[in-house]
All heavy atoms as atom14 arrays in JSON, in Angstrom:
{
  "sequence": "TSALDPTMVGEVTAVIKRLALEGMTMAIVTHEMEFARNVS",
  "atom14_mask": [
    [1, 1, 1, 1, 1, 1, 1, 0, 0, 0, 0, 0, 0, 0],
    [1, 1, 1, 1, 1, 1, 0, 0, 0, 0, 0, 0, 0, 0],
    [1, 1, 1, 1, 1, 0, 0, 0, 0, 0, 0, 0, 0, 0],
    [1, 1, 1, 1, 1, 1, 1, 1, 0, 0, 0, 0, 0, 0],
    [1, 1, 1, 1, 1, 1, 1, 1, 0, 0, 0, 0, 0, 0],
    [1, 1, 1, 1, 1, 1, 1, 0, 0, 0, 0, 0, 0, 0],
    [1, 1, 1, 1, 1, 1, 1, 0, 0, 0, 0, 0, 0, 0],
    [1, 1, 1, 1, 1, 1, 1, 1, 0, 0, 0, 0, 0, 0],
    [1, 1, 1, 1, 1, 1, 1, 0, 0, 0, 0, 0, 0, 0],
    [1, 1, 1, 1, 0, 0, 0, 0, 0, 0, 0, 0, 0, 0],
    [1, 1, 1, 1, 1, 1, 1, 1, 1, 0, 0, 0, 0, 0],
    [1, 1, 1, 1, 1, 1, 1, 0, 0, 0, 0, 0, 0, 0],
    [1, 1, 1, 1, 1, 1, 1, 0, 0, 0, 0, 0, 0, 0],
    [1, 1, 1, 1, 1, 0, 0, 0, 0, 0, 0, 0, 0, 0],
    [1, 1, 1, 1, 1, 1, 1, 0, 0, 0, 0, 0, 0, 0],
    [1, 1, 1, 1, 1, 1, 1, 1, 0, 0, 0, 0, 0, 0],
    [1, 1, 1, 1, 1, 1, 1, 1, 1, 0, 0, 0, 0, 0],
    [1, 1, 1, 1, 1, 1, 1, 1, 1, 1, 1, 0, 0, 0],
    [1, 1, 1, 1, 1, 1, 1, 1, 0, 0, 0, 0, 0, 0],
    [1, 1, 1, 1, 1, 0, 0, 0, 0, 0, 0, 0, 0, 0],
    [1, 1, 1, 1, 1, 1, 1, 1, 0, 0, 0, 0, 0, 0],
    [1, 1, 1, 1, 1, 1, 1, 1, 1, 0, 0, 0, 0, 0],
    [1, 1, 1, 1, 0, 0, 0, 0, 0, 0, 0, 0, 0, 0],
    [1, 1, 1, 1, 1, 1, 1, 1, 0, 0, 0, 0, 0, 0],
    [1, 1, 1, 1, 1, 1, 1, 0, 0, 0, 0, 0, 0, 0],
    [1, 1, 1, 1, 1, 1, 1, 1, 0, 0, 0, 0, 0, 0],
    [1, 1, 1, 1, 1, 0, 0, 0, 0, 0, 0, 0, 0, 0],
    [1, 1, 1, 1, 1, 1, 1, 1, 0, 0, 0, 0, 0, 0],
    [1, 1, 1, 1, 1, 1, 1, 0, 0, 0, 0, 0, 0, 0],
    [1, 1, 1, 1, 1, 1, 1, 0, 0, 0, 0, 0, 0, 0],
    [1, 1, 1, 1, 1, 1, 1, 1, 1, 1, 0, 0, 0, 0],
    [1, 1, 1, 1, 1, 1, 1, 1, 1, 0, 0, 0, 0, 0],
    [1, 1, 1, 1, 1, 1, 1, 1, 0, 0, 0, 0, 0, 0],
    [1, 1, 1, 1, 1, 1, 1, 1, 1, 0, 0, 0, 0, 0],
    [1, 1, 1, 1, 1, 1, 1, 1, 1, 1, 1, 0, 0, 0],
    [1, 1, 1, 1, 1, 0, 0, 0, 0, 0, 0, 0, 0, 0],
    [1, 1, 1, 1, 1, 1, 1, 1, 1, 1, 1, 0, 0, 0],
    [1, 1, 1, 1, 1, 1, 1, 1, 0, 0, 0, 0, 0, 0],
    [1, 1, 1, 1, 1, 1, 1, 0, 0, 0, 0, 0, 0, 0],
    [1, 1, 1, 1, 1, 1, 0, 0, 0, 0, 0, 0, 0, 0]
  ],
  "atom14_positions": [
    [[175.29, 157.61, 16.55], [176.16, 158.68, 17.03], [176.25, 158.73, 18.56], [176.95, 159.59, 19.1], [175.67, 160.05, 16.53], [174.34, 160.28, 17.02], [175.65, 160.1, 15.01], [0.0, 0.0, 0.0], [0.0, 0.0, 0.0], [0.0, 0.0, 0.0], [0.0, 0.0, 0.0], [0.0, 0.0, 0.0], [0.0, 0.0, 0.0], [0.0, 0.0, 0.0]],
    [[175.57, 157.82, 19.27], [175.48, 157.96, 20.73], [176.81, 157.73, 21.43], [177.03, 158.22, 22.54], [174.42, 157.01, 21.29], [174.82, 155.67, 21.1], [0.0, 0.0, 0.0], [0.0, 0.0, 0.0], [0.0, 0.0, 0.0], [0.0, 0.0, 0.0], [0.0, 0.0, 0.0], [0.0, 0.0, 0.0], [0.0, 0.0, 0.0], [0.0, 0.0, 0.0]],
    [[177.72, 156.96, 20.82], [179.01, 156.68, 21.45], [180.09, 157.69, 21.04], [181.25, 157.52, 21.41], [179.47, 155.27, 21.1], [0.0, 0.0, 0.0], [0.0, 0.0, 0.0], [0.0, 0.0, 0.0], [0.0, 0.0, 0.0], [0.0, 0.0, 0.0], [0.0, 0.0, 0.0], [0.0, 0.0, 0.0], [0.0, 0.0, 0.0], [0.0, 0.0, 0.0]],
    [[179.71, 158.71, 20.3], [180.69, 159.63, 19.74], [180.8, 160.92, 20.54], [179.82, 161.4, 21.13], [180.32, 160.0, 18.3], [180.2, 158.84, 17.3], [179.81, 159.39, 15.94], [181.5, 158.06, 17.22], [0.0, 0.0, 0.0], [0.0, 0.0, 0.0], [0.0, 0.0, 0.0], [0.0, 0.0, 0.0], [0.0, 0.0, 0.0], [0.0, 0.0, 0.0]],
    [[182.01, 161.47, 20.55], [182.21, 162.82, 21.05], [181.38, 163.77, 20.19], [181.26, 163.57, 18.97], [183.7, 163.16, 20.94], [184.02, 164.52, 21.53], [183.76, 165.52, 20.82], [184.51, 164.58, 22.65], [0.0, 0.0, 0.0], [0.0, 0.0, 0.0], [0.0, 0.0, 0.0], [0.0, 0.0, 0.0], [0.0, 0.0, 0.0], [0.0, 0.0, 0.0]],
    [[180.77, 164.82, 20.78], [179.94, 165.74, 19.99], [180.62, 166.29, 18.74], [179.96, 166.58, 17.75], [179.62, 166.86, 21.0], [179.67, 166.2, 22.33], [180.76, 165.17, 22.21], [0.0, 0.0, 0.0], [0.0, 0.0, 0.0], [0.0, 0.0, 0.0], [0.0, 0.0, 0.0], [0.0, 0.0, 0.0], [0.0, 0.0, 0.0], [0.0, 0.0, 0.0]],
    [[181.95, 166.46, 18.79], [182.65, 167.01, 17.64], [182.65, 166.05, 16.45], [182.94, 166.44, 15.33], [184.1, 167.35, 18.0], [184.78, 166.17, 18.43], [184.16, 168.39, 19.1], [0.0, 0.0, 0.0], [0.0, 0.0, 0.0], [0.0, 0.0, 0.0], [0.0, 0.0, 0.0], [0.0, 0.0, 0.0], [0.0, 0.0, 0.0], [0.0, 0.0, 0.0]],
    [[182.35, 164.76, 16.69], [182.41, 163.75, 15.63], [181.04, 163.39, 15.06], [180.95, 162.68, 14.06], [183.08, 162.47, 16.16], [184.49, 162.68, 16.65], [185.16, 161.17, 17.39], [186.73, 161.78, 18.01], [0.0, 0.0, 0.0], [0.0, 0.0, 0.0], [0.0, 0.0, 0.0], [0.0, 0.0, 0.0], [0.0, 0.0, 0.0], [0.0, 0.0, 0.0]],
    [[179.98, 163.86, 15.72], [178.63, 163.48, 15.3], [178.37, 163.88, 13.85], [177.81, 163.12, 13.06], [177.58, 164.1, 16.26], [176.17, 163.94, 15.68], [177.67, 163.46, 17.63], [0.0, 0.0, 0.0], [0.0, 0.0, 0.0], [0.0, 0.0, 0.0], [0.0, 0.0, 0.0], [0.0, 0.0, 0.0], [0.0, 0.0, 0.0], [0.0, 0.0, 0.0]],
    [[178.79, 165.1, 13.5], [178.53, 165.61, 12.15], [179.16, 164.77, 11.06], [178.62, 164.67, 9.96], [0.0, 0.0, 0.0], [0.0, 0.0, 0.0], [0.0, 0.0, 0.0], [0.0, 0.0, 0.0], [0.0, 0.0, 0.0], [0.0, 0.0, 0.0], [0.0, 0.0, 0.0], [0.0, 0.0, 0.0], [0.0, 0.0, 0.0], [0.0, 0.0, 0.0]],
    [[180.31, 164.13, 11.34], [180.96, 163.27, 10.36], [180.03, 162.14, 9.92], [179.95, 161.79, 8.74], [182.22, 162.62, 10.95], [183.33, 163.56, 11.33], [184.51, 162.8, 11.94], [184.62, 161.58, 11.69], [185.3, 163.41, 12.67], [0.0, 0.0, 0.0], [0.0, 0.0, 0.0], [0.0, 0.0, 0.0], [0.0, 0.0, 0.0], [0.0, 0.0, 0.0]],
    [[179.36, 161.56, 10.91], [178.52, 160.39, 10.65], [177.17, 160.81, 10.06], [176.69, 160.2, 9.1], [178.33, 159.57, 11.95], [177.35, 158.41, 11.73], [179.68, 159.04, 12.42], [0.0, 0.0, 0.0], [0.0, 0.0, 0.0], [0.0, 0.0, 0.0], [0.0, 0.0, 0.0], [0.0, 0.0, 0.0], [0.0, 0.0, 0.0], [0.0, 0.0, 0.0]],
    [[176.55, 161.84, 10.63], [175.25, 162.26, 10.1], [175.37, 162.75, 8.66], [174.44, 162.57, 7.87], [174.61, 163.35, 10.99], [175.51, 164.47, 11.1], [174.31, 162.81, 12.37], [0.0, 0.0, 0.0], [0.0, 0.0, 0.0], [0.0, 0.0, 0.0], [0.0, 0.0, 0.0], [0.0, 0.0, 0.0], [0.0, 0.0, 0.0], [0.0, 0.0, 0.0]],
    [[176.51, 163.35, 8.28], [176.7, 163.79, 6.9], [176.68, 162.61, 5.94], [176.1, 162.69, 4.85], [178.0, 164.56, 6.76], [0.0, 0.0, 0.0], [0.0, 0.0, 0.0], [0.0, 0.0, 0.0], [0.0, 0.0, 0.0], [0.0, 0.0, 0.0], [0.0, 0.0, 0.0], [0.0, 0.0, 0.0], [0.0, 0.0, 0.0], [0.0, 0.0, 0.0]],
    [[177.3, 161.49, 6.34], [177.29, 160.29, 5.49], [175.88, 159.74, 5.36], [175.45, 159.36, 4.26], [178.25, 159.22, 6.07], [178.09, 157.9, 5.32], [179.69, 159.7, 5.99], [0.0, 0.0, 0.0], [0.0, 0.0, 0.0], [0.0, 0.0, 0.0], [0.0, 0.0, 0.0], [0.0, 0.0, 0.0], [0.0, 0.0, 0.0], [0.0, 0.0, 0.0]],
    [[175.14, 159.71, 6.46], [173.77, 159.18, 6.42], [172.88, 160.08, 5.56], [172.03, 159.59, 4.78], [173.2, 159.02, 7.84], [174.06, 158.04, 8.64], [171.75, 158.54, 7.8], [173.69, 157.93, 10.11], [0.0, 0.0, 0.0], [0.0, 0.0, 0.0], [0.0, 0.0, 0.0], [0.0, 0.0, 0.0], [0.0, 0.0, 0.0], [0.0, 0.0, 0.0]],
    [[173.05, 161.39, 5.67], [172.29, 162.32, 4.82], [172.57, 162.06, 3.34], [171.65, 162.11, 2.52], [172.63, 163.77, 5.18], [172.05, 164.25, 6.49], [172.56, 165.65, 6.81], [172.1, 166.11, 8.17], [172.67, 167.42, 8.55], [0.0, 0.0, 0.0], [0.0, 0.0, 0.0], [0.0, 0.0, 0.0], [0.0, 0.0, 0.0], [0.0, 0.0, 0.0]],
    [[173.81, 161.78, 3.03], [174.17, 161.5, 1.63], [173.48, 160.23, 1.15], [172.97, 160.18, 0.03], [175.68, 161.37, 1.5], [176.15, 161.08, 0.08], [177.64, 161.15, -0.05], [178.08, 160.8, -1.39], [179.33, 160.88, -1.81], [180.27, 161.33, -1.0], [179.65, 160.54, -3.04], [0.0, 0.0, 0.0], [0.0, 0.0, 0.0], [0.0, 0.0, 0.0]],
    [[173.43, 159.2, 1.98], [172.73, 157.96, 1.62], [171.25, 158.23, 1.39], [170.65, 157.68, 0.47], [172.9, 156.91, 2.73], [174.31, 156.35, 2.94], [174.32, 155.41, 4.13], [174.79, 155.62, 1.69], [0.0, 0.0, 0.0], [0.0, 0.0, 0.0], [0.0, 0.0, 0.0], [0.0, 0.0, 0.0], [0.0, 0.0, 0.0], [0.0, 0.0, 0.0]],
    [[170.67, 159.09, 2.23], [169.26, 159.44, 2.05], [169.03, 160.12, 0.7], [168.06, 159.8, -0.01], [168.8, 160.35, 3.19], [0.0, 0.0, 0.0], [0.0, 0.0, 0.0], [0.0, 0.0, 0.0], [0.0, 0.0, 0.0], [0.0, 0.0, 0.0], [0.0, 0.0, 0.0], [0.0, 0.0, 0.0], [0.0, 0.0, 0.0], [0.0, 0.0, 0.0]],
    [[169.92, 161.04, 0.34], [169.79, 161.73, -0.95], [169.92, 160.76, -2.12], [169.34, 160.98, -3.19], [170.85, 162.83, -1.06], [170.66, 164.04, -0.14], [171.89, 164.95, -0.21], [169.41, 164.82, -0.53], [0.0, 0.0, 0.0], [0.0, 0.0, 0.0], [0.0, 0.0, 0.0], [0.0, 0.0, 0.0], [0.0, 0.0, 0.0], [0.0, 0.0, 0.0]],
    [[170.7, 159.68, -1.91], [170.89, 158.69, -2.98], [169.76, 157.66, -3.03], [169.78, 156.76, -3.88], [172.24, 157.99, -2.78], [173.43, 158.92, -3.01], [174.76, 158.3, -2.62], [174.75, 157.18, -2.04], [175.81, 158.92, -2.9], [0.0, 0.0, 0.0], [0.0, 0.0, 0.0], [0.0, 0.0, 0.0], [0.0, 0.0, 0.0], [0.0, 0.0, 0.0]],
    [[168.79, 157.75, -2.1], [167.62, 156.88, -2.17], [167.69, 155.61, -1.35], [166.83, 154.74, -1.49], [0.0, 0.0, 0.0], [0.0, 0.0, 0.0], [0.0, 0.0, 0.0], [0.0, 0.0, 0.0], [0.0, 0.0, 0.0], [0.0, 0.0, 0.0], [0.0, 0.0, 0.0], [0.0, 0.0, 0.0], [0.0, 0.0, 0.0], [0.0, 0.0, 0.0]],
    [[168.69, 155.48, -0.47], [168.79, 154.29, 0.37], [167.62, 154.24, 1.36], [167.32, 155.24, 2.01], [170.12, 154.27, 1.12], [170.26, 153.16, 2.15], [170.19, 151.48, 1.47], [171.82, 151.38, 0.69], [0.0, 0.0, 0.0], [0.0, 0.0, 0.0], [0.0, 0.0, 0.0], [0.0, 0.0, 0.0], [0.0, 0.0, 0.0], [0.0, 0.0, 0.0]],
    [[166.98, 153.09, 1.46], [165.95, 152.89, 2.47], [166.63, 152.72, 3.82], [167.56, 151.94, 3.96], [165.12, 151.63, 2.15], [164.65, 151.72, 0.8], [163.94, 151.51, 3.09], [0.0, 0.0, 0.0], [0.0, 0.0, 0.0], [0.0, 0.0, 0.0], [0.0, 0.0, 0.0], [0.0, 0.0, 0.0], [0.0, 0.0, 0.0], [0.0, 0.0, 0.0]],
    [[166.15, 153.45, 4.84], [166.81, 153.42, 6.14], [165.8, 153.51, 7.28], [164.76, 154.17, 7.16], [167.81, 154.57, 6.27], [169.0, 154.46, 5.33], [170.25, 155.75, 5.59], [169.48, 157.12, 4.75], [0.0, 0.0, 0.0], [0.0, 0.0, 0.0], [0.0, 0.0, 0.0], [0.0, 0.0, 0.0], [0.0, 0.0, 0.0], [0.0, 0.0, 0.0]],
    [[166.14, 152.84, 8.38], [165.43, 153.01, 9.65], [166.49, 153.35, 10.69], [167.47, 152.62, 10.84], [164.67, 151.75, 10.04], [0.0, 0.0, 0.0], [0.0, 0.0, 0.0], [0.0, 0.0, 0.0], [0.0, 0.0, 0.0], [0.0, 0.0, 0.0], [0.0, 0.0, 0.0], [0.0, 0.0, 0.0], [0.0, 0.0, 0.0], [0.0, 0.0, 0.0]],
    [[166.29, 154.45, 11.41], [167.34, 155.01, 12.26], [166.77, 155.32, 13.65], [165.83, 156.11, 13.77], [167.91, 156.31, 11.66], [168.33, 156.11, 10.2], [169.07, 156.83, 12.5], [168.51, 157.41, 9.43], [0.0, 0.0, 0.0], [0.0, 0.0, 0.0], [0.0, 0.0, 0.0], [0.0, 0.0, 0.0], [0.0, 0.0, 0.0], [0.0, 0.0, 0.0]],
    [[167.34, 154.7, 14.67], [167.06, 155.11, 16.05], [168.06, 156.2, 16.41], [169.27, 156.0, 16.28], [167.19, 153.92, 17.02], [167.05, 154.4, 18.47], [166.13, 152.87, 16.73], [0.0, 0.0, 0.0], [0.0, 0.0, 0.0], [0.0, 0.0, 0.0], [0.0, 0.0, 0.0], [0.0, 0.0, 0.0], [0.0, 0.0, 0.0], [0.0, 0.0, 0.0]],
    [[167.57, 157.35, 16.85], [168.48, 158.47, 17.1], [167.96, 159.38, 18.19], [166.74, 159.48, 18.42], [168.71, 159.29, 15.82], [169.69, 160.31, 16.07], [167.43, 159.93, 15.32], [0.0, 0.0, 0.0], [0.0, 0.0, 0.0], [0.0, 0.0, 0.0], [0.0, 0.0, 0.0], [0.0, 0.0, 0.0], [0.0, 0.0, 0.0], [0.0, 0.0, 0.0]],
    [[168.89, 160.05, 18.87], [168.56, 161.13, 19.81], [168.92, 162.49, 19.22], [168.76, 163.51, 19.9], [169.31, 160.93, 21.13], [168.79, 159.79, 21.94], [167.57, 159.79, 22.57], [169.33, 158.57, 22.22], [167.38, 158.66, 23.21], [168.43, 157.9, 23.01], [0.0, 0.0, 0.0], [0.0, 0.0, 0.0], [0.0, 0.0, 0.0], [0.0, 0.0, 0.0]],
    [[169.42, 162.51, 17.99], [169.8, 163.77, 17.33], [168.56, 164.34, 16.63], [168.22, 163.99, 15.5], [170.92, 163.53, 16.31], [172.2, 162.99, 16.91], [172.96, 164.05, 17.68], [172.78, 165.25, 17.39], [173.74, 163.67, 18.57], [0.0, 0.0, 0.0], [0.0, 0.0, 0.0], [0.0, 0.0, 0.0], [0.0, 0.0, 0.0], [0.0, 0.0, 0.0]],
    [[167.87, 165.25, 17.31], [166.56, 165.7, 16.82], [166.65, 166.56, 15.56], [165.81, 166.45, 14.68], [165.82, 166.47, 17.93], [165.43, 165.6, 19.1], [164.33, 164.23, 18.66], [165.46, 162.85, 18.83], [0.0, 0.0, 0.0], [0.0, 0.0, 0.0], [0.0, 0.0, 0.0], [0.0, 0.0, 0.0], [0.0, 0.0, 0.0], [0.0, 0.0, 0.0]],
    [[167.66, 167.42, 15.48], [167.79, 168.24, 14.27], [168.08, 167.36, 13.07], [167.57, 167.58, 11.97], [168.88, 169.3, 14.47], [168.89, 170.39, 13.4], [167.62, 171.23, 13.39], [166.94, 171.33, 14.43], [167.32, 171.79, 12.33], [0.0, 0.0, 0.0], [0.0, 0.0, 0.0], [0.0, 0.0, 0.0], [0.0, 0.0, 0.0], [0.0, 0.0, 0.0]],
    [[168.89, 166.35, 13.28], [169.18, 165.36, 12.24], [167.9, 164.64, 11.83], [167.61, 164.48, 10.64], [170.23, 164.38, 12.76], [170.41, 163.14, 11.92], [170.95, 163.21, 10.65], [170.05, 161.9, 12.42], [171.12, 162.07, 9.88], [170.23, 160.75, 11.67], [170.76, 160.84, 10.4], [0.0, 0.0, 0.0], [0.0, 0.0, 0.0], [0.0, 0.0, 0.0]],
    [[167.11, 164.2, 12.82], [165.85, 163.5, 12.52], [164.91, 164.4, 11.71], [164.27, 163.96, 10.76], [165.17, 163.06, 13.82], [0.0, 0.0, 0.0], [0.0, 0.0, 0.0], [0.0, 0.0, 0.0], [0.0, 0.0, 0.0], [0.0, 0.0, 0.0], [0.0, 0.0, 0.0], [0.0, 0.0, 0.0], [0.0, 0.0, 0.0], [0.0, 0.0, 0.0]],
    [[164.86, 165.66, 12.08], [164.0, 166.6, 11.37], [164.43, 166.77, 9.91], [163.6, 166.84, 9.0], [164.03, 167.97, 12.07], [163.09, 169.0, 11.47], [163.54, 170.41, 11.85], [163.45, 170.68, 13.25], [162.42, 171.32, 13.82], [161.42, 171.74, 13.09], [162.42, 171.56, 15.12], [0.0, 0.0, 0.0], [0.0, 0.0, 0.0], [0.0, 0.0, 0.0]],
    [[165.74, 166.81, 9.69], [166.25, 167.13, 8.35], [166.29, 165.93, 7.41], [166.17, 166.1, 6.2], [167.66, 167.72, 8.47], [167.66, 169.1, 9.06], [166.67, 169.82, 9.0], [168.77, 169.49, 9.67], [0.0, 0.0, 0.0], [0.0, 0.0, 0.0], [0.0, 0.0, 0.0], [0.0, 0.0, 0.0], [0.0, 0.0, 0.0], [0.0, 0.0, 0.0]],
    [[166.48, 164.73, 7.93], [166.75, 163.57, 7.07], [165.51, 162.69, 6.84], [165.45, 161.95, 5.87], [167.91, 162.73, 7.63], [167.44, 161.83, 8.78], [168.57, 161.9, 6.54], [0.0, 0.0, 0.0], [0.0, 0.0, 0.0], [0.0, 0.0, 0.0], [0.0, 0.0, 0.0], [0.0, 0.0, 0.0], [0.0, 0.0, 0.0], [0.0, 0.0, 0.0]],
    [[164.52, 162.77, 7.72], [163.42, 161.8, 7.72], [162.37, 162.07, 6.65], [162.07, 163.21, 6.34], [162.71, 161.79, 9.07], [163.61, 161.64, 10.13], [0.0, 0.0, 0.0], [0.0, 0.0, 0.0], [0.0, 0.0, 0.0], [0.0, 0.0, 0.0], [0.0, 0.0, 0.0], [0.0, 0.0, 0.0], [0.0, 0.0, 0.0], [0.0, 0.0, 0.0]]
  ]
}
């Protein structure tokens, strides 16, 4: 999400959260701390 306008960040994090709920194994470098807290 680092190259995105703040208004677009949620579009991408929502997709990644959905993948997490579906059981996809993931490693994510991020500066979005609330996202890291919720998805990890």
